[in-house]
Every structure is written in structure tokens, then in C-alpha cells.
Amino acid sequence: MLELYHGTTSVCAQKARLTLAEKGLEWKSHLMALNGDQLDPAYLKLNPNGVVPTLVHDGNVIVESTVIMHYLDDTFPTPPLMPRHPLDRTRAHLFKKLMDEYIHPACIVFTFATANRARLASLSKEQRDAQLAKAPLQRQSEYKRAGVEEGLNSPMGKEATKSFEKLLKWIEESTEKGPWLAGPDFSLADIAAIPYMVRLEMLRLSPMWDNKPGVAKWWERVKTRPSYETAITKWLRPEDIARYEKIADPWIDVSKNLAQ
């Protein structure tokens, strides 16, 4: 049996759900609110980092979204989601490395400077420090703190903008060679990037690729895949959409960062 602990809008959970959907696998959902339940002792026994997703397969626990994607691809090899050609495989690995090391921190900054800002900003500095100190991954707490306290126009906000611009540049360059990010076939490289594009779109930041036609066409292809509906659209609740719709337009600050 496959079981997944996940959140509706969690970018890392979306990667796991996309992989499951592309494989056509059935799984049991453990949907988490991520309002503190990820720090419950019972969940920390499964995932000491206190994050989602966590995959449980026949009692075996697998954590980290990139590791989960590869585990599913290795365990359920049809259809394959890693390219065959060594250079294409290298490209796929580079995309995943970009997501894990640069884009995910950038996503945290963008999200906590916008959609997730109100709740933490309403706390006193002492209360905010105490809450952020509970997280096992303190580096992520610092990204959250920068987003809430300094906003998109901060040094870290500007760095996050550069990281997303790098991702879009890589996607544009990849589409000059073929329809997908790591060769002729849809792969884990595409799956790794999709959730972060979803987040940019929810933040109304699609103008970031107005001058990148390859990105726009790739994004259109992504949305026609059945896995997008199954893993992304199906899980977005009205309250999730509303939380992003009511924020001030982040394009004002992001466009300034891009112009610098």
C-alpha cells in the first residue's frame, strides 16, 4: 500500500502527487492542514524534518520530495520518468538540483512575503521568533522570517527573484531543443519545475514569462496532461485560491527587482 502525507498547496507535495499520477498509482491520502500538525510528535516520528510530503510504502517511510520521485520511478518503472540518454539524464538532475538548492528557498521567501505573511506579521517579534524556532529546519525559518519581516524588496527577495528568473531562462533554453525540459519525453525534470510555476501563477506573477514564448508553450503543454488535473487542480480548495487572490499584487516589487 502507498500512503502519502501531504498538503493541498505544498509545492513538494505536488511533486509527489504528480509522480503518482503519471505512474497511474493508487494511494491513501493523509491530508495535513500544515498549521502546526506537521510538528506533532506522531508525525515527527515519520518525518523528523516536520515537512511534507512523506511517503509510506508497505510500512517503509520515504521522505524528501526528490527522493520520493526517484523511489516511485525506480519501484514502479512504467512509464519511465527519467530520460534514457546520459546527457538528458544529466539535464534532469541539474533541474532537480536547481529546484532543491535555489528555487525552493526562493519560493518560501515569495510565499511568506505575500500569501503567508498576514498570520506571522500579526504576531509580536517575540511570538514570531518562538513559533519559527519550533521548526526542525531552521534555514527554512530564516527564509520565512525574511519574507515576513523584509518583503520582496529585501536583499533576500531580490535574490529570490533572480533564482526564479534563472529557472525561467533554463526552461526557455530547454524548449529550444525539444518539448520537455530534459529531452523529448516528459520527465522528473518537468515534475520538479511544475509546482513552482503553479506558485508563480497563483501569485499572479505570470508576467515574468511574457517575453519567454518557450516557457508559455511548455506551460500550456503541462496543463493538458491528465496528471495536472489529478495532482494540482483537484486539490486546490476555494480557501486556498482565496488566500492568494486577496494579497497585494507582488508584481509591483518583482518587476522592480527584475529591472535592477
C-alpha atoms as a PDB file:
ATOM      1  CA  MET A   1       0.000   0.000   0.000  1.00  0.00           C
ATOM      2  CA  LEU A   2       1.116   3.535  -0.817  1.00  0.00           C
ATOM      3  CA  GLU A   3       0.255   6.286   1.643  1.00  0.00           C
ATOM      4  CA  LEU A   4       1.078   9.973   1.233  1.00  0.00           C
ATOM      5  CA  TYR A   5       1.127  12.649   3.904  1.00  0.00           C
ATOM      6  CA  HIS A   6       0.707  15.906   2.036  1.00  0.00           C
ATOM      7  CA  GLY A   7      -0.762  19.416   1.895  1.00  0.00           C
ATOM      8  CA  THR A   8      -3.040  20.951  -0.705  1.00  0.00           C
ATOM      9  CA  THR A   9      -0.737  23.732  -1.930  1.00  0.00           C
ATOM     10  CA  SER A  10       2.631  22.399  -0.743  1.00  0.00           C
ATOM     11  CA  VAL A  11       4.969  22.540  -3.737  1.00  0.00           C
ATOM     12  CA  CYS A  12       6.882  19.489  -2.544  1.00  0.00           C
ATOM     13  CA  ALA A  13       3.673  17.511  -2.015  1.00  0.00           C
ATOM     14  CA  GLN A  14       2.610  18.467  -5.533  1.00  0.00           C
ATOM     15  CA  LYS A  15       5.792  16.881  -6.908  1.00  0.00           C
ATOM     16  CA  ALA A  16       4.932  13.610  -5.185  1.00  0.00           C
ATOM     17  CA  ARG A  17       1.310  13.712  -6.359  1.00  0.00           C
ATOM     18  CA  LEU A  18       2.364  14.452  -9.947  1.00  0.00           C
ATOM     19  CA  THR A  19       4.694  11.456  -9.922  1.00  0.00           C
ATOM     20  CA  LEU A  20       1.978   9.206  -8.514  1.00  0.00           C
ATOM     21  CA  ALA A  21      -0.455  10.485 -11.139  1.00  0.00           C
ATOM     22  CA  GLU A  22       1.962   9.985 -14.039  1.00  0.00           C
ATOM     23  CA  LYS A  23       2.517   6.419 -12.839  1.00  0.00           C
ATOM     24  CA  GLY A  24      -1.224   5.806 -12.520  1.00  0.00           C
ATOM     25  CA  LEU A  25      -0.794   4.603  -8.940  1.00  0.00           C
ATOM     26  CA  GLU A  26      -3.479   4.366  -6.275  1.00  0.00           C
ATOM     27  CA  TRP A  27      -2.606   5.726  -2.860  1.00  0.00           C
ATOM     28  CA  LYS A  28      -4.134   6.558   0.501  1.00  0.00           C
ATOM     29  CA  SER A  29      -4.292  10.251   1.345  1.00  0.00           C
ATOM     30  CA  HIS A  30      -3.321  11.704   4.718  1.00  0.00           C
ATOM     31  CA  LEU A  31      -4.106  15.373   4.125  1.00  0.00           C
ATOM     32  CA  MET A  32      -2.456  17.706   6.614  1.00  0.00           C
ATOM     33  CA  ALA A  33      -3.529  21.238   7.492  1.00  0.00           C
ATOM     34  CA  LEU A  34       0.099  22.365   7.985  1.00  0.00           C
ATOM     35  CA  ASN A  35      -0.982  24.770  10.720  1.00  0.00           C
ATOM     36  CA  GLY A  36       1.226  23.057  13.285  1.00  0.00           C
ATOM     37  CA  ASP A  37       0.129  19.458  12.817  1.00  0.00           C
ATOM     38  CA  GLN A  38       3.394  18.796  10.947  1.00  0.00           C
ATOM     39  CA  LEU A  39       5.160  19.303  14.296  1.00  0.00           C
ATOM     40  CA  ASP A  40       3.042  16.794  16.217  1.00  0.00           C
ATOM     41  CA  PRO A  41       5.244  14.136  17.849  1.00  0.00           C
ATOM     42  CA  ALA A  42       3.475  11.332  15.979  1.00  0.00           C
ATOM     43  CA  TYR A  43       4.228  12.938  12.618  1.00  0.00           C
ATOM     44  CA  LEU A  44       7.801  13.841  13.588  1.00  0.00           C
ATOM     45  CA  LYS A  45       8.419  10.141  14.160  1.00  0.00           C
ATOM     46  CA  LEU A  46       7.672   9.653  10.465  1.00  0.00           C
ATOM     47  CA  ASN A  47       9.390  12.793   9.225  1.00  0.00           C
ATOM     48  CA  PRO A  48      11.835  14.375  11.708  1.00  0.00           C
ATOM     49  CA  ASN A  49      12.081  17.464   9.484  1.00  0.00           C
ATOM     50  CA  GLY A  50       8.433  18.293  10.129  1.00  0.00           C
ATOM     51  CA  VAL A  51       7.609  18.884   6.474  1.00  0.00           C
ATOM     52  CA  VAL A  52       5.563  17.239   3.740  1.00  0.00           C
ATOM     53  CA  PRO A  53       5.451  15.051   1.781  1.00  0.00           C
ATOM     54  CA  THR A  54       6.099  11.754   3.495  1.00  0.00           C
ATOM     55  CA  LEU A  55       5.541   8.552   1.541  1.00  0.00           C
ATOM     56  CA  VAL A  56       4.869   5.264   3.314  1.00  0.00           C
ATOM     57  CA  HIS A  57       5.093   2.160   1.144  1.00  0.00           C
ATOM     58  CA  ASP A  58       4.224  -1.132   2.813  1.00  0.00           C
ATOM     59  CA  GLY A  59       5.408   0.296   6.125  1.00  0.00           C
ATOM     60  CA  ASN A  60       8.631   1.777   4.743  1.00  0.00           C
ATOM     61  CA  VAL A  61       8.978   5.546   5.186  1.00  0.00           C
ATOM     62  CA  ILE A  62      10.484   7.716   2.451  1.00  0.00           C
ATOM     63  CA  VAL A  63      10.978  11.465   2.906  1.00  0.00           C
ATOM     64  CA  GLU A  64      12.177  14.377   0.724  1.00  0.00           C
ATOM     65  CA  SER A  65      10.200  15.047  -2.448  1.00  0.00           C
ATOM     66  CA  THR A  66      13.079  14.499  -4.873  1.00  0.00           C
ATOM     67  CA  VAL A  67      13.922  11.187  -3.192  1.00  0.00           C
ATOM     68  CA  ILE A  68      10.244  10.208  -3.274  1.00  0.00           C
ATOM     69  CA  MET A  69      10.043  10.931  -7.017  1.00  0.00           C
ATOM     70  CA  HIS A  70      13.032   8.698  -7.704  1.00  0.00           C
ATOM     71  CA  TYR A  71      11.790   5.976  -5.359  1.00  0.00           C
ATOM     72  CA  LEU A  72       8.487   5.823  -7.206  1.00  0.00           C
ATOM     73  CA  ASP A  73      10.223   5.811 -10.585  1.00  0.00           C
ATOM     74  CA  ASP A  74      12.558   3.001  -9.500  1.00  0.00           C
ATOM     75  CA  THR A  75       9.850   0.938  -7.811  1.00  0.00           C
ATOM     76  CA  PHE A  76       7.217   1.387 -10.499  1.00  0.00           C
ATOM     77  CA  PRO A  77       9.258   1.682 -13.720  1.00  0.00           C
ATOM     78  CA  THR A  78       6.340   2.019 -16.149  1.00  0.00           C
ATOM     79  CA  PRO A  79       6.152   4.575 -17.599  1.00  0.00           C
ATOM     80  CA  PRO A  80       9.761   5.656 -17.038  1.00  0.00           C
ATOM     81  CA  LEU A  81      10.175   9.235 -15.860  1.00  0.00           C
ATOM     82  CA  MET A  82      13.928   9.595 -16.267  1.00  0.00           C
ATOM     83  CA  PRO A  83      15.436  10.176 -19.738  1.00  0.00           C
ATOM     84  CA  ARG A  84      17.414   7.395 -21.392  1.00  0.00           C
ATOM     85  CA  HIS A  85      20.246   9.420 -22.913  1.00  0.00           C
ATOM     86  CA  PRO A  86      23.023  10.247 -20.394  1.00  0.00           C
ATOM     87  CA  LEU A  87      23.097  13.939 -21.347  1.00  0.00           C
ATOM     88  CA  ASP A  88      19.331  14.202 -20.976  1.00  0.00           C
ATOM     89  CA  ARG A  89      19.554  12.441 -17.616  1.00  0.00           C
ATOM     90  CA  THR A  90      22.209  14.946 -16.573  1.00  0.00           C
ATOM     91  CA  ARG A  91      19.911  17.787 -17.573  1.00  0.00           C
ATOM     92  CA  ALA A  92      17.120  16.271 -15.471  1.00  0.00           C
ATOM     93  CA  HIS A  93      19.414  16.018 -12.443  1.00  0.00           C
ATOM     94  CA  LEU A  94      20.512  19.639 -12.891  1.00  0.00           C
ATOM     95  CA  PHE A  95      16.903  20.816 -12.932  1.00  0.00           C
ATOM     96  CA  LYS A  96      16.153  18.923  -9.720  1.00  0.00           C
ATOM     97  CA  LYS A  97      19.281  20.327  -8.090  1.00  0.00           C
ATOM     98  CA  LEU A  98      18.230  23.845  -9.115  1.00  0.00           C
ATOM     99  CA  MET A  99      14.824  23.327  -7.507  1.00  0.00           C
ATOM    100  CA  ASP A 100      16.169  21.949  -4.249  1.00  0.00           C
ATOM    101  CA  GLU A 101      19.012  24.408  -3.741  1.00  0.00           C
ATOM    102  CA  TYR A 102      17.717  27.670  -5.195  1.00  0.00           C
ATOM    103  CA  ILE A 103      14.077  27.650  -6.276  1.00  0.00           C
ATOM    104  CA  HIS A 104      12.583  26.138  -3.127  1.00  0.00           C
ATOM    105  CA  PRO A 105      14.169  28.772  -0.837  1.00  0.00           C
ATOM    106  CA  ALA A 106      13.056  31.455  -3.312  1.00  0.00           C
ATOM    107  CA  CYS A 107       9.523  30.057  -3.214  1.00  0.00           C
ATOM    108  CA  ILE A 108       9.452  30.243   0.585  1.00  0.00           C
ATOM    109  CA  VAL A 109      10.538  33.895   0.501  1.00  0.00           C
ATOM    110  CA  PHE A 110       7.960  34.797  -2.162  1.00  0.00           C
ATOM    111  CA  THR A 111       5.151  32.961  -0.364  1.00  0.00           C
ATOM    112  CA  PHE A 112       5.856  34.311   3.120  1.00  0.00           C
ATOM    113  CA  ALA A 113       6.212  37.826   1.770  1.00  0.00           C
ATOM    114  CA  THR A 114       2.710  37.548   0.283  1.00  0.00           C
ATOM    115  CA  ALA A 115       0.090  34.848   0.892  1.00  0.00           C
ATOM    116  CA  ASN A 116       1.507  33.578   4.196  1.00  0.00           C
ATOM    117  CA  ARG A 117       2.548  36.949   5.575  1.00  0.00           C
ATOM    118  CA  ALA A 118      -0.527  38.114   7.466  1.00  0.00           C
ATOM    119  CA  ARG A 119      -0.602  35.456  10.172  1.00  0.00           C
ATOM    120  CA  LEU A 120       3.053  35.749  11.192  1.00  0.00           C
ATOM    121  CA  ALA A 121       3.152  39.519  10.727  1.00  0.00           C
ATOM    122  CA  SER A 122       0.294  39.866  13.230  1.00  0.00           C
ATOM    123  CA  LEU A 123       2.454  38.337  15.972  1.00  0.00           C
ATOM    124  CA  SER A 124       4.934  40.249  18.105  1.00  0.00           C
ATOM    125  CA  LYS A 125       8.579  39.685  17.257  1.00  0.00           C
ATOM    126  CA  GLU A 126       8.948  37.514  20.366  1.00  0.00           C
ATOM    127  CA  GLN A 127       5.916  35.407  19.426  1.00  0.00           C
ATOM    128  CA  ARG A 128       7.135  35.094  15.839  1.00  0.00           C
ATOM    129  CA  ASP A 129      10.617  34.060  16.958  1.00  0.00           C
ATOM    130  CA  ALA A 130       9.150  31.441  19.296  1.00  0.00           C
ATOM    131  CA  GLN A 131       6.960  29.977  16.554  1.00  0.00           C
ATOM    132  CA  LEU A 132       9.725  29.867  13.956  1.00  0.00           C
ATOM    133  CA  ALA A 133      12.095  28.301  16.483  1.00  0.00           C
ATOM    134  CA  LYS A 134       9.852  25.216  16.666  1.00  0.00           C
ATOM    135  CA  ALA A 135      10.667  24.150  13.101  1.00  0.00           C
ATOM    136  CA  PRO A 136      13.339  21.428  12.826  1.00  0.00           C
ATOM    137  CA  LEU A 137      14.692  23.001   9.603  1.00  0.00           C
ATOM    138  CA  GLN A 138      15.864  26.377  10.869  1.00  0.00           C
ATOM    139  CA  ARG A 139      17.210  27.506   7.492  1.00  0.00           C
ATOM    140  CA  GLN A 140      13.631  27.442   6.194  1.00  0.00           C
ATOM    141  CA  SER A 141      12.542  29.504   9.193  1.00  0.00           C
ATOM    142  CA  GLU A 142      15.049  32.169   8.192  1.00  0.00           C
ATOM    143  CA  TYR A 143      13.590  32.331   4.670  1.00  0.00           C
ATOM    144  CA  LYS A 144      10.136  32.702   6.215  1.00  0.00           C
ATOM    145  CA  ARG A 145      11.366  35.400   8.577  1.00  0.00           C
ATOM    146  CA  ALA A 146      12.938  37.373   5.714  1.00  0.00           C
ATOM    147  CA  GLY A 147       9.743  37.155   3.688  1.00  0.00           C
ATOM    148  CA  VAL A 148       7.519  38.309   6.548  1.00  0.00           C
ATOM    149  CA  GLU A 149       9.765  40.984   8.057  1.00  0.00           C
ATOM    150  CA  GLU A 150      11.520  42.357   4.978  1.00  0.00           C
ATOM    151  CA  GLY A 151       9.259  41.598   1.999  1.00  0.00           C
ATOM    152  CA  LEU A 152      10.000  41.124  -1.686  1.00  0.00           C
ATOM    153  CA  ASN A 153      12.084  44.264  -1.976  1.00  0.00           C
ATOM    154  CA  SER A 154      14.598  42.984   0.582  1.00  0.00           C
ATOM    155  CA  PRO A 155      18.027  41.590  -0.380  1.00  0.00           C
ATOM    156  CA  MET A 156      16.651  38.064   0.029  1.00  0.00           C
ATOM    157  CA  GLY A 157      13.569  38.985  -2.003  1.00  0.00           C
ATOM    158  CA  LYS A 158      15.785  40.266  -4.786  1.00  0.00           C
ATOM    159  CA  GLU A 159      17.879  37.109  -4.654  1.00  0.00           C
ATOM    160  CA  ALA A 160      14.708  35.011  -4.839  1.00  0.00           C
ATOM    161  CA  THR A 161      13.645  36.933  -7.935  1.00  0.00           C
ATOM    162  CA  LYS A 162      16.998  36.162  -9.578  1.00  0.00           C
ATOM    163  CA  SER A 163      16.548  32.477  -8.793  1.00  0.00           C
ATOM    164  CA  PHE A 164      13.118  32.353 -10.424  1.00  0.00           C
ATOM    165  CA  GLU A 165      14.436  34.260 -13.429  1.00  0.00           C
ATOM    166  CA  LYS A 166      17.166  31.611 -13.745  1.00  0.00           C
ATOM    167  CA  LEU A 167      14.537  28.851 -13.717  1.00  0.00           C
ATOM    168  CA  LEU A 168      12.560  30.574 -16.473  1.00  0.00           C
ATOM    169  CA  LYS A 169      15.738  31.044 -18.515  1.00  0.00           C
ATOM    170  CA  TRP A 170      16.543  27.332 -18.197  1.00  0.00           C
ATOM    171  CA  ILE A 171      13.014  26.371 -19.260  1.00  0.00           C
ATOM    172  CA  GLU A 172      13.189  28.721 -22.260  1.00  0.00           C
ATOM    173  CA  GLU A 173      16.542  27.279 -23.344  1.00  0.00           C
ATOM    174  CA  SER A 174      15.312  23.723 -22.902  1.00  0.00           C
ATOM    175  CA  THR A 175      12.261  24.284 -25.109  1.00  0.00           C
ATOM    176  CA  GLU A 176      14.546  25.405 -27.935  1.00  0.00           C
ATOM    177  CA  LYS A 177      15.789  21.795 -28.063  1.00  0.00           C
ATOM    178  CA  GLY A 178      12.518  19.918 -27.575  1.00  0.00           C
ATOM    179  CA  PRO A 179       9.054  19.949 -25.997  1.00  0.00           C
ATOM    180  CA  TRP A 180      10.148  18.949 -22.491  1.00  0.00           C
ATOM    181  CA  LEU A 181      12.845  20.040 -20.091  1.00  0.00           C
ATOM    182  CA  ALA A 182      15.226  17.096 -20.338  1.00  0.00           C
ATOM    183  CA  GLY A 183      14.814  15.612 -23.796  1.00  0.00           C
ATOM    184  CA  PRO A 184      11.923  14.520 -25.993  1.00  0.00           C
ATOM    185  CA  ASP A 185       9.844  12.952 -23.197  1.00  0.00           C
ATOM    186  CA  PHE A 186       8.104  14.294 -20.102  1.00  0.00           C
ATOM    187  CA  SER A 187      10.289  13.512 -17.084  1.00  0.00           C
ATOM    188  CA  LEU A 188      11.054  14.173 -13.440  1.00  0.00           C
ATOM    189  CA  ALA A 189      12.681  17.422 -14.587  1.00  0.00           C
ATOM    190  CA  ASP A 190       9.275  18.708 -15.652  1.00  0.00           C
ATOM    191  CA  ILE A 191       7.619  17.403 -12.498  1.00  0.00           C
ATOM    192  CA  ALA A 192      10.223  19.147 -10.343  1.00  0.00           C
ATOM    193  CA  ALA A 193       9.547  22.511 -12.004  1.00  0.00           C
ATOM    194  CA  ILE A 194       5.753  22.415 -12.332  1.00  0.00           C
ATOM    195  CA  PRO A 195       4.787  23.190  -8.693  1.00  0.00           C
ATOM    196  CA  TYR A 196       6.960  26.304  -8.634  1.00  0.00           C
ATOM    197  CA  MET A 197       5.315  27.535 -11.821  1.00  0.00           C
ATOM    198  CA  VAL A 198       1.948  26.874 -10.182  1.00  0.00           C
ATOM    199  CA  ARG A 199       3.047  29.038  -7.248  1.00  0.00           C
ATOM    200  CA  LEU A 200       4.180  31.882  -9.522  1.00  0.00           C
ATOM    201  CA  GLU A 201       0.850  31.742 -11.347  1.00  0.00           C
ATOM    202  CA  MET A 202      -1.133  31.757  -8.084  1.00  0.00           C
ATOM    203  CA  LEU A 203       0.888  34.810  -7.036  1.00  0.00           C
ATOM    204  CA  ARG A 204      -0.139  36.460 -10.326  1.00  0.00           C
ATOM    205  CA  LEU A 205       3.465  36.548 -11.481  1.00  0.00           C
ATOM    206  CA  SER A 206       2.952  35.023 -14.935  1.00  0.00           C
ATOM    207  CA  PRO A 207       4.182  38.341 -16.456  1.00  0.00           C
ATOM    208  CA  MET A 208       7.639  37.012 -15.573  1.00  0.00           C
ATOM    209  CA  TRP A 209       7.470  34.885 -18.728  1.00  0.00           C
ATOM    210  CA  ASP A 210       5.686  37.319 -21.028  1.00  0.00           C
ATOM    211  CA  ASN A 211       8.857  37.622 -23.114  1.00  0.00           C
ATOM    212  CA  LYS A 212       9.620  33.900 -22.994  1.00  0.00           C
ATOM    213  CA  PRO A 213       7.386  32.164 -25.572  1.00  0.00           C
ATOM    214  CA  GLY A 214       9.034  28.794 -24.995  1.00  0.00           C
ATOM    215  CA  VAL A 215       8.061  28.892 -21.328  1.00  0.00           C
ATOM    216  CA  ALA A 216       4.471  29.811 -22.215  1.00  0.00           C
ATOM    217  CA  LYS A 217       4.148  26.956 -24.709  1.00  0.00           C
ATOM    218  CA  TRP A 218       5.727  24.448 -22.318  1.00  0.00           C
ATOM    219  CA  TRP A 219       3.303  25.592 -19.598  1.00  0.00           C
ATOM    220  CA  GLU A 220       0.359  25.072 -21.955  1.00  0.00           C
ATOM    221  CA  ARG A 221       1.569  21.532 -22.689  1.00  0.00           C
ATOM    222  CA  VAL A 222       1.929  20.798 -18.978  1.00  0.00           C
ATOM    223  CA  LYS A 223      -1.654  21.823 -18.271  1.00  0.00           C
ATOM    224  CA  THR A 224      -3.060  19.478 -20.917  1.00  0.00           C
ATOM    225  CA  ARG A 225      -1.616  16.434 -19.166  1.00  0.00           C
ATOM    226  CA  PRO A 226      -4.186  14.495 -17.101  1.00  0.00           C
ATOM    227  CA  SER A 227      -1.741  14.464 -14.187  1.00  0.00           C
ATOM    228  CA  TYR A 228      -2.068  18.242 -13.821  1.00  0.00           C
ATOM    229  CA  GLU A 229      -5.779  17.971 -13.082  1.00  0.00           C
ATOM    230  CA  THR A 230      -5.289  14.927 -10.853  1.00  0.00           C
ATOM    231  CA  ALA A 231      -2.356  16.229  -8.819  1.00  0.00           C
ATOM    232  CA  ILE A 232      -2.801  20.012  -8.834  1.00  0.00           C
ATOM    233  CA  THR A 233      -6.252  21.335  -9.754  1.00  0.00           C
ATOM    234  CA  LYS A 234      -8.203  18.642  -7.909  1.00  0.00           C
ATOM    235  CA  TRP A 235      -6.555  19.504  -4.594  1.00  0.00           C
ATOM    236  CA  LEU A 236      -6.951  23.298  -4.708  1.00  0.00           C
ATOM    237  CA  ARG A 237      -9.720  24.290  -2.311  1.00  0.00           C
ATOM    238  CA  PRO A 238     -11.672  27.571  -2.561  1.00  0.00           C
ATOM    239  CA  GLU A 239      -9.945  28.817   0.589  1.00  0.00           C
ATOM    240  CA  ASP A 240      -6.535  28.106  -0.941  1.00  0.00           C
ATOM    241  CA  ILE A 241      -7.372  30.154  -4.017  1.00  0.00           C
ATOM    242  CA  ALA A 242      -8.897  32.964  -1.937  1.00  0.00           C
ATOM    243  CA  ARG A 243      -5.760  33.280   0.183  1.00  0.00           C
ATOM    244  CA  TYR A 244      -3.734  34.122  -2.902  1.00  0.00           C
ATOM    245  CA  GLU A 245      -6.377  36.281  -4.546  1.00  0.00           C
ATOM    246  CA  LYS A 246      -6.605  38.746  -1.660  1.00  0.00           C
ATOM    247  CA  ILE A 247      -2.910  39.630  -1.460  1.00  0.00           C
ATOM    248  CA  ALA A 248      -1.462  42.883  -2.787  1.00  0.00           C
ATOM    249  CA  ASP A 249      -0.091  42.467  -6.296  1.00  0.00           C
ATOM    250  CA  PRO A 250       3.519  41.235  -5.872  1.00  0.00           C
ATOM    251  CA  TRP A 251       4.342  42.100  -9.493  1.00  0.00           C
ATOM    252  CA  ILE A 252       4.991  45.713  -8.411  1.00  0.00           C
ATOM    253  CA  ASP A 253       8.052  44.674  -6.355  1.00  0.00           C
ATOM    254  CA  VAL A 254       9.098  41.735  -8.520  1.00  0.00           C
ATOM    255  CA  SER A 255       9.137  43.834 -11.686  1.00  0.00           C
ATOM    256  CA  LYS A 256      11.366  46.358  -9.917  1.00  0.00           C
ATOM    257  CA  ASN A 257      13.711  43.564  -8.858  1.00  0.00           C
ATOM    258  CA  LEU A 258      13.875  42.289 -12.442  1.00  0.00           C
ATOM    259  CA  ALA A 259      14.689  45.761 -13.754  1.00  0.00           C
ATOM    260  CA  GLN A 260      17.693  46.155 -11.449  1.00  0.00           C
END
